[in-house]
Amino acid sequence: MILKIETGQNNPILRQKTQKIEKIDGEILNFIQSMIKTMIQDNGIGLAANQTGKSMRLFVINPDLSKKTVFINPEITKISKKSEIQEEGCLSLAGIFLPIKRAKSIKIKAIDENNEQFKLKAKGLLARAIQHELDHLDGILICDNAK
């Protein structure tokens, strides 16, 4: 099922910190598959649960970009001192591209759809996408970070 993308910088669901996921069940697994389909259909690099109206600490990353696609209850464990500014867009703010400063590389830990904890080192576009989606989970949009 294709999901509706929440839009607008004053949208309440996009502005609140999301809730930790306590249990991965069939409903969440179906939701994850719908998120992935929606992200790919809309040519997204990533998609956070609250962008589809659900307050969950969950995002997906395009499988073309990462060997890990599903990030549940993600946490950055290390962030590089080196950063760079690049233009970013957002499915929730269609047509807006802003220069955003992000760490060049990060380490993250999360749980996947199989309830397995994993750690991942990311750099470049993958690191940028993860930081962007994590911002969504904390109610932060690119218009808040523009340089």
N, C-alpha and C. Protein backbone atom coordinates (compact mmCIF):
# COMPACT_ATOMS: atom_id res chain seq x y z
N MET A 1 0.83 -1.18 0.00
CA MET A 1 0.00 0.00 0.00
C MET A 1 0.89 1.25 0.00
N ILE A 2 0.53 2.22 -0.84
CA ILE A 2 1.25 3.48 -0.88
C ILE A 2 0.65 4.40 0.19
N LEU A 3 1.52 5.02 0.97
CA LEU A 3 1.09 5.86 2.09
C LEU A 3 1.05 7.33 1.68
N LYS A 4 0.25 8.10 2.38
CA LYS A 4 0.19 9.55 2.16
C LYS A 4 1.37 10.19 2.90
N ILE A 5 2.10 11.05 2.20
CA ILE A 5 3.22 11.77 2.81
C ILE A 5 2.67 13.04 3.47
N GLU A 6 2.98 13.20 4.75
CA GLU A 6 2.60 14.41 5.48
C GLU A 6 3.50 15.55 4.99
N THR A 7 2.91 16.72 4.77
CA THR A 7 3.68 17.85 4.24
C THR A 7 3.46 19.11 5.08
N GLY A 8 4.36 20.06 4.89
CA GLY A 8 4.23 21.38 5.51
C GLY A 8 5.10 21.53 6.74
N GLN A 9 5.78 22.68 6.81
CA GLN A 9 6.71 22.87 7.92
C GLN A 9 6.02 23.12 9.26
N ASN A 10 4.70 23.37 9.26
CA ASN A 10 3.98 23.56 10.52
C ASN A 10 3.08 22.37 10.85
N ASN A 11 3.25 21.26 10.14
CA ASN A 11 2.45 20.06 10.37
C ASN A 11 2.81 19.48 11.75
N PRO A 12 1.83 19.33 12.66
CA PRO A 12 2.14 18.87 14.02
C PRO A 12 2.85 17.52 14.09
N ILE A 13 2.47 16.53 13.26
CA ILE A 13 3.12 15.21 13.33
C ILE A 13 4.58 15.29 12.93
N LEU A 14 4.93 16.23 12.06
CA LEU A 14 6.33 16.39 11.65
C LEU A 14 7.14 17.16 12.69
N ARG A 15 6.47 17.78 13.65
CA ARG A 15 7.13 18.65 14.62
C ARG A 15 7.29 18.04 16.00
N GLN A 16 6.85 16.79 16.19
CA GLN A 16 7.00 16.20 17.51
C GLN A 16 7.99 15.04 17.50
N LYS A 17 8.61 14.83 18.65
CA LYS A 17 9.53 13.71 18.80
C LYS A 17 8.72 12.41 18.77
N THR A 18 9.20 11.43 18.02
CA THR A 18 8.47 10.18 17.85
C THR A 18 8.66 9.24 19.04
N GLN A 19 7.78 8.26 19.13
CA GLN A 19 7.76 7.30 20.24
C GLN A 19 8.59 6.06 19.92
N LYS A 20 9.31 5.57 20.92
CA LYS A 20 10.10 4.35 20.78
C LYS A 20 9.18 3.16 20.48
N ILE A 21 9.64 2.26 19.65
CA ILE A 21 8.88 1.05 19.32
C ILE A 21 9.25 -0.03 20.34
N GLU A 22 8.24 -0.56 21.01
CA GLU A 22 8.47 -1.55 22.06
C GLU A 22 8.43 -2.98 21.51
N LYS A 23 7.62 -3.20 20.46
CA LYS A 23 7.44 -4.56 19.94
C LYS A 23 7.26 -4.52 18.43
N ILE A 24 7.98 -5.39 17.74
CA ILE A 24 7.86 -5.49 16.28
C ILE A 24 6.87 -6.61 15.98
N ASP A 25 5.70 -6.22 15.48
CA ASP A 25 4.67 -7.21 15.19
C ASP A 25 4.30 -7.15 13.70
N GLY A 26 3.33 -7.94 13.32
CA GLY A 26 2.91 -8.01 11.92
C GLY A 26 2.44 -6.67 11.38
N GLU A 27 1.77 -5.89 12.21
CA GLU A 27 1.28 -4.58 11.78
C GLU A 27 2.46 -3.65 11.44
N ILE A 28 3.48 -3.68 12.27
CA ILE A 28 4.66 -2.84 12.00
C ILE A 28 5.40 -3.35 10.77
N LEU A 29 5.51 -4.66 10.62
CA LEU A 29 6.19 -5.21 9.43
C LEU A 29 5.46 -4.82 8.14
N ASN A 30 4.13 -4.86 8.16
CA ASN A 30 3.36 -4.42 6.99
C ASN A 30 3.56 -2.93 6.73
N PHE A 31 3.58 -2.15 7.80
CA PHE A 31 3.80 -0.71 7.69
C PHE A 31 5.17 -0.42 7.07
N ILE A 32 6.19 -1.16 7.50
CA ILE A 32 7.55 -1.00 6.95
C ILE A 32 7.54 -1.25 5.44
N GLN A 33 6.87 -2.31 5.00
CA GLN A 33 6.82 -2.60 3.56
C GLN A 33 6.11 -1.47 2.80
N SER A 34 5.05 -0.93 3.39
CA SER A 34 4.37 0.21 2.76
C SER A 34 5.26 1.44 2.71
N MET A 35 6.04 1.66 3.77
CA MET A 35 6.98 2.79 3.79
C MET A 35 8.01 2.66 2.67
N ILE A 36 8.56 1.45 2.50
CA ILE A 36 9.58 1.23 1.47
C ILE A 36 8.97 1.47 0.08
N LYS A 37 7.79 0.93 -0.16
CA LYS A 37 7.12 1.14 -1.46
C LYS A 37 6.87 2.62 -1.72
N THR A 38 6.40 3.32 -0.69
CA THR A 38 6.10 4.75 -0.83
C THR A 38 7.38 5.54 -1.13
N MET A 39 8.45 5.26 -0.39
CA MET A 39 9.73 5.95 -0.58
C MET A 39 10.23 5.74 -2.01
N ILE A 40 10.18 4.51 -2.49
CA ILE A 40 10.69 4.21 -3.83
C ILE A 40 9.81 4.87 -4.89
N GLN A 41 8.49 4.79 -4.73
CA GLN A 41 7.59 5.42 -5.70
C GLN A 41 7.82 6.92 -5.79
N ASP A 42 8.11 7.56 -4.64
CA ASP A 42 8.30 9.01 -4.61
C ASP A 42 9.76 9.42 -4.83
N ASN A 43 10.58 8.45 -5.27
CA ASN A 43 12.01 8.70 -5.55
C ASN A 43 12.76 9.24 -4.34
N GLY A 44 12.41 8.74 -3.17
CA GLY A 44 13.07 9.18 -1.94
C GLY A 44 14.32 8.38 -1.64
N ILE A 45 15.20 8.99 -0.87
CA ILE A 45 16.41 8.32 -0.38
C ILE A 45 16.10 7.67 0.97
N GLY A 46 15.21 8.30 1.71
CA GLY A 46 14.80 7.78 3.01
C GLY A 46 13.41 8.28 3.33
N LEU A 47 12.80 7.65 4.34
CA LEU A 47 11.46 8.05 4.77
C LEU A 47 11.30 7.70 6.24
N ALA A 48 10.87 8.68 7.03
CA ALA A 48 10.64 8.47 8.46
C ALA A 48 9.15 8.19 8.70
N ALA A 49 8.87 7.40 9.74
CA ALA A 49 7.49 7.00 10.03
C ALA A 49 6.56 8.21 10.20
N ASN A 50 7.03 9.26 10.86
CA ASN A 50 6.15 10.40 11.09
C ASN A 50 5.83 11.16 9.80
N GLN A 51 6.62 10.95 8.75
CA GLN A 51 6.29 11.55 7.46
C GLN A 51 5.06 10.88 6.84
N THR A 52 4.66 9.74 7.40
CA THR A 52 3.45 9.07 6.93
C THR A 52 2.38 9.06 8.03
N GLY A 53 2.55 9.91 9.02
CA GLY A 53 1.52 10.10 10.04
C GLY A 53 1.63 9.24 11.28
N LYS A 54 2.69 8.44 11.40
CA LYS A 54 2.84 7.56 12.56
C LYS A 54 3.99 8.04 13.46
N SER A 55 3.71 8.22 14.73
CA SER A 55 4.74 8.67 15.67
C SER A 55 5.52 7.45 16.20
N MET A 56 6.45 6.98 15.37
CA MET A 56 7.29 5.82 15.73
C MET A 56 8.74 6.16 15.41
N ARG A 57 9.66 5.66 16.24
CA ARG A 57 11.09 5.85 15.98
C ARG A 57 11.54 4.80 14.97
N LEU A 58 11.25 5.10 13.73
CA LEU A 58 11.49 4.17 12.63
C LEU A 58 11.70 4.97 11.36
N PHE A 59 12.74 4.60 10.61
CA PHE A 59 12.87 5.13 9.26
C PHE A 59 13.41 4.05 8.35
N VAL A 60 13.20 4.26 7.05
CA VAL A 60 13.73 3.34 6.05
C VAL A 60 14.66 4.14 5.13
N ILE A 61 15.67 3.45 4.63
CA ILE A 61 16.63 4.02 3.69
C ILE A 61 16.54 3.21 2.40
N ASN A 62 16.64 3.91 1.28
CA ASN A 62 16.54 3.25 -0.02
C ASN A 62 17.56 2.12 -0.12
N PRO A 63 17.13 0.91 -0.50
CA PRO A 63 18.04 -0.24 -0.57
C PRO A 63 19.20 -0.04 -1.57
N ASP A 64 19.04 0.88 -2.52
CA ASP A 64 20.15 1.18 -3.45
C ASP A 64 21.30 1.88 -2.74
N LEU A 65 21.03 2.47 -1.58
CA LEU A 65 22.01 3.26 -0.86
C LEU A 65 22.68 2.50 0.27
N SER A 66 21.99 1.51 0.84
CA SER A 66 22.48 0.88 2.06
C SER A 66 22.15 -0.61 2.08
N LYS A 67 23.05 -1.39 2.68
CA LYS A 67 22.75 -2.81 2.86
C LYS A 67 21.70 -3.01 3.95
N LYS A 68 21.56 -2.02 4.83
CA LYS A 68 20.50 -2.04 5.84
C LYS A 68 19.43 -1.05 5.40
N THR A 69 18.20 -1.46 5.39
CA THR A 69 17.09 -0.63 4.91
C THR A 69 16.23 -0.12 6.05
N VAL A 70 16.03 -0.92 7.09
CA VAL A 70 15.10 -0.59 8.17
C VAL A 70 15.88 -0.24 9.43
N PHE A 71 15.54 0.91 10.02
CA PHE A 71 16.20 1.39 11.23
C PHE A 71 15.12 1.67 12.28
N ILE A 72 15.04 0.79 13.30
CA ILE A 72 14.07 0.93 14.37
C ILE A 72 14.81 1.38 15.63
N ASN A 73 14.25 2.38 16.31
CA ASN A 73 14.85 2.96 17.52
C ASN A 73 16.35 3.29 17.30
N PRO A 74 16.66 4.01 16.23
CA PRO A 74 18.06 4.29 15.90
C PRO A 74 18.71 5.30 16.85
N GLU A 75 20.02 5.13 17.03
CA GLU A 75 20.81 6.07 17.83
C GLU A 75 22.16 6.24 17.17
N ILE A 76 22.59 7.49 17.01
CA ILE A 76 23.95 7.74 16.54
C ILE A 76 24.88 7.54 17.72
N THR A 77 25.92 6.73 17.53
CA THR A 77 26.87 6.45 18.61
C THR A 77 28.17 7.22 18.44
N LYS A 78 28.45 7.67 17.22
CA LYS A 78 29.65 8.45 16.97
C LYS A 78 29.42 9.34 15.76
N ILE A 79 29.97 10.53 15.82
CA ILE A 79 29.80 11.49 14.74
C ILE A 79 31.17 12.11 14.44
N SER A 80 31.50 12.23 13.18
CA SER A 80 32.82 12.76 12.81
C SER A 80 32.90 14.25 13.09
N LYS A 81 34.11 14.71 13.34
CA LYS A 81 34.33 16.15 13.53
C LYS A 81 34.22 16.87 12.20
N LYS A 82 34.57 16.18 11.11
CA LYS A 82 34.50 16.79 9.78
C LYS A 82 33.06 16.84 9.31
N SER A 83 32.69 17.98 8.74
CA SER A 83 31.34 18.14 8.22
C SER A 83 31.41 18.78 6.84
N GLU A 84 30.28 18.79 6.18
CA GLU A 84 30.19 19.44 4.87
C GLU A 84 28.78 19.95 4.68
N ILE A 85 28.67 20.96 3.82
CA ILE A 85 27.37 21.54 3.51
C ILE A 85 26.98 21.09 2.11
N GLN A 86 25.77 20.54 1.99
CA GLN A 86 25.22 20.13 0.69
C GLN A 86 23.73 20.43 0.68
N GLU A 87 23.21 20.58 -0.53
CA GLU A 87 21.78 20.80 -0.67
C GLU A 87 21.02 19.52 -0.36
N GLU A 88 19.92 19.68 0.38
CA GLU A 88 19.03 18.56 0.68
C GLU A 88 17.62 18.93 0.32
N GLY A 89 16.87 17.93 -0.10
CA GLY A 89 15.43 18.06 -0.31
C GLY A 89 14.72 17.16 0.68
N CYS A 90 13.40 17.20 0.66
CA CYS A 90 12.62 16.41 1.60
C CYS A 90 11.26 16.10 0.98
N LEU A 91 10.81 14.86 1.11
CA LEU A 91 9.51 14.47 0.58
C LEU A 91 8.37 15.25 1.24
N SER A 92 8.58 15.73 2.47
CA SER A 92 7.55 16.48 3.17
C SER A 92 7.55 17.98 2.84
N LEU A 93 8.62 18.43 2.18
CA LEU A 93 8.72 19.83 1.76
C LEU A 93 9.06 19.86 0.27
N ALA A 94 8.14 19.37 -0.53
CA ALA A 94 8.37 19.18 -1.97
C ALA A 94 8.83 20.47 -2.64
N GLY A 95 9.85 20.33 -3.48
CA GLY A 95 10.34 21.44 -4.28
C GLY A 95 11.30 22.36 -3.55
N ILE A 96 11.54 22.12 -2.26
CA ILE A 96 12.46 22.97 -1.49
C ILE A 96 13.79 22.23 -1.34
N PHE A 97 14.87 22.92 -1.70
CA PHE A 97 16.22 22.38 -1.55
C PHE A 97 17.04 23.42 -0.81
N LEU A 98 17.65 23.01 0.31
CA LEU A 98 18.38 23.95 1.16
C LEU A 98 19.76 23.41 1.49
N PRO A 99 20.74 24.30 1.66
CA PRO A 99 22.08 23.87 2.07
C PRO A 99 22.08 23.48 3.55
N ILE A 100 22.48 22.25 3.83
CA ILE A 100 22.46 21.72 5.20
C ILE A 100 23.86 21.21 5.57
N LYS A 101 24.31 21.59 6.76
CA LYS A 101 25.60 21.11 7.27
C LYS A 101 25.37 19.80 8.03
N ARG A 102 26.13 18.78 7.64
CA ARG A 102 26.02 17.46 8.28
C ARG A 102 27.42 16.89 8.50
N ALA A 103 27.53 15.99 9.47
CA ALA A 103 28.77 15.25 9.68
C ALA A 103 29.05 14.40 8.45
N LYS A 104 30.34 14.30 8.07
CA LYS A 104 30.71 13.50 6.90
C LYS A 104 30.52 12.01 7.15
N SER A 105 30.73 11.58 8.39
CA SER A 105 30.56 10.15 8.70
C SER A 105 29.97 9.99 10.10
N ILE A 106 29.28 8.88 10.28
CA ILE A 106 28.64 8.56 11.57
C ILE A 106 28.71 7.06 11.83
N LYS A 107 28.47 6.71 13.07
CA LYS A 107 28.20 5.32 13.44
C LYS A 107 26.83 5.33 14.09
N ILE A 108 26.05 4.33 13.75
CA ILE A 108 24.68 4.25 14.26
C ILE A 108 24.39 2.83 14.72
N LYS A 109 23.53 2.73 15.74
CA LYS A 109 23.01 1.42 16.12
C LYS A 109 21.50 1.49 16.05
N ALA A 110 20.90 0.38 15.68
CA ALA A 110 19.44 0.32 15.52
C ALA A 110 19.02 -1.15 15.55
N ILE A 111 17.73 -1.35 15.40
CA ILE A 111 17.16 -2.69 15.31
C ILE A 111 16.56 -2.81 13.91
N ASP A 112 16.71 -3.98 13.30
CA ASP A 112 16.13 -4.18 11.96
C ASP A 112 14.75 -4.83 12.08
N GLU A 113 14.16 -5.10 10.93
CA GLU A 113 12.80 -5.67 10.91
C GLU A 113 12.73 -7.08 11.49
N ASN A 114 13.87 -7.74 11.65
CA ASN A 114 13.92 -9.09 12.24
C ASN A 114 14.19 -9.04 13.74
N ASN A 115 14.10 -7.83 14.32
CA ASN A 115 14.36 -7.61 15.74
C ASN A 115 15.81 -7.88 16.13
N GLU A 116 16.72 -7.72 15.16
CA GLU A 116 18.15 -7.91 15.40
C GLU A 116 18.81 -6.55 15.53
N GLN A 117 19.58 -6.38 16.63
CA GLN A 117 20.33 -5.13 16.76
C GLN A 117 21.52 -5.16 15.80
N PHE A 118 21.83 -4.00 15.21
CA PHE A 118 22.99 -3.91 14.33
C PHE A 118 23.66 -2.56 14.51
N LYS A 119 24.92 -2.53 14.09
CA LYS A 119 25.69 -1.28 14.06
C LYS A 119 26.13 -1.06 12.64
N LEU A 120 26.22 0.20 12.24
CA LEU A 120 26.57 0.54 10.87
C LEU A 120 27.44 1.78 10.86
N LYS A 121 28.50 1.73 10.06
CA LYS A 121 29.31 2.92 9.78
C LYS A 121 28.81 3.48 8.47
N ALA A 122 28.57 4.77 8.45
CA ALA A 122 28.06 5.39 7.23
C ALA A 122 28.86 6.65 6.92
N LYS A 123 29.06 6.88 5.62
CA LYS A 123 29.72 8.12 5.20
C LYS A 123 29.04 8.61 3.93
N GLY A 124 29.35 9.83 3.55
CA GLY A 124 28.81 10.39 2.33
C GLY A 124 27.29 10.51 2.36
N LEU A 125 26.66 10.17 1.24
CA LEU A 125 25.22 10.32 1.10
C LEU A 125 24.44 9.47 2.11
N LEU A 126 24.92 8.27 2.41
CA LEU A 126 24.24 7.43 3.40
C LEU A 126 24.25 8.10 4.77
N ALA A 127 25.38 8.63 5.19
CA ALA A 127 25.46 9.32 6.49
C ALA A 127 24.52 10.52 6.50
N ARG A 128 24.49 11.26 5.41
CA ARG A 128 23.61 12.43 5.30
C ARG A 128 22.14 12.00 5.40
N ALA A 129 21.77 10.95 4.67
CA ALA A 129 20.38 10.47 4.68
C ALA A 129 19.96 10.02 6.08
N ILE A 130 20.83 9.30 6.77
CA ILE A 130 20.52 8.83 8.12
C ILE A 130 20.32 10.01 9.06
N GLN A 131 21.21 11.00 8.98
CA GLN A 131 21.07 12.18 9.84
C GLN A 131 19.78 12.94 9.53
N HIS A 132 19.42 13.03 8.27
CA HIS A 132 18.18 13.69 7.85
C HIS A 132 16.97 12.97 8.44
N GLU A 133 16.94 11.64 8.32
CA GLU A 133 15.80 10.88 8.83
C GLU A 133 15.74 10.91 10.36
N LEU A 134 16.90 10.88 11.01
CA LEU A 134 16.92 10.99 12.48
C LEU A 134 16.37 12.34 12.92
N ASP A 135 16.70 13.40 12.19
CA ASP A 135 16.12 14.71 12.49
C ASP A 135 14.59 14.63 12.45
N HIS A 136 14.05 13.96 11.42
CA HIS A 136 12.59 13.81 11.34
C HIS A 136 12.04 13.18 12.61
N LEU A 137 12.70 12.15 13.12
CA LEU A 137 12.22 11.45 14.31
C LEU A 137 12.22 12.35 15.54
N ASP A 138 13.00 13.44 15.48
CA ASP A 138 13.05 14.40 16.58
C ASP A 138 12.26 15.67 16.28
N GLY A 139 11.47 15.67 15.20
CA GLY A 139 10.64 16.82 14.88
C GLY A 139 11.37 17.97 14.23
N ILE A 140 12.52 17.68 13.61
CA ILE A 140 13.35 18.71 12.98
C ILE A 140 13.27 18.56 11.46
N LEU A 141 13.04 19.67 10.79
CA LEU A 141 12.97 19.68 9.32
C LEU A 141 14.17 20.45 8.74
N ILE A 142 14.42 20.25 7.43
CA ILE A 142 15.57 20.90 6.81
C ILE A 142 15.49 22.42 6.90
N CYS A 143 14.30 22.98 6.93
CA CYS A 143 14.18 24.44 7.03
C CYS A 143 14.71 24.94 8.39
N ASP A 144 14.80 24.07 9.40
CA ASP A 144 15.34 24.43 10.70
C ASP A 144 16.87 24.43 10.71
N ASN A 145 17.46 23.67 9.78
CA ASN A 145 18.93 23.48 9.74
C ASN A 145 19.62 24.22 8.62
N ALA A 146 18.89 24.96 7.81
CA ALA A 146 19.48 25.58 6.62
C ALA A 146 20.61 26.51 7.01
N LYS A 147 21.68 26.45 6.21
CA LYS A 147 22.87 27.30 6.45
C LYS A 147 22.88 28.43 5.45
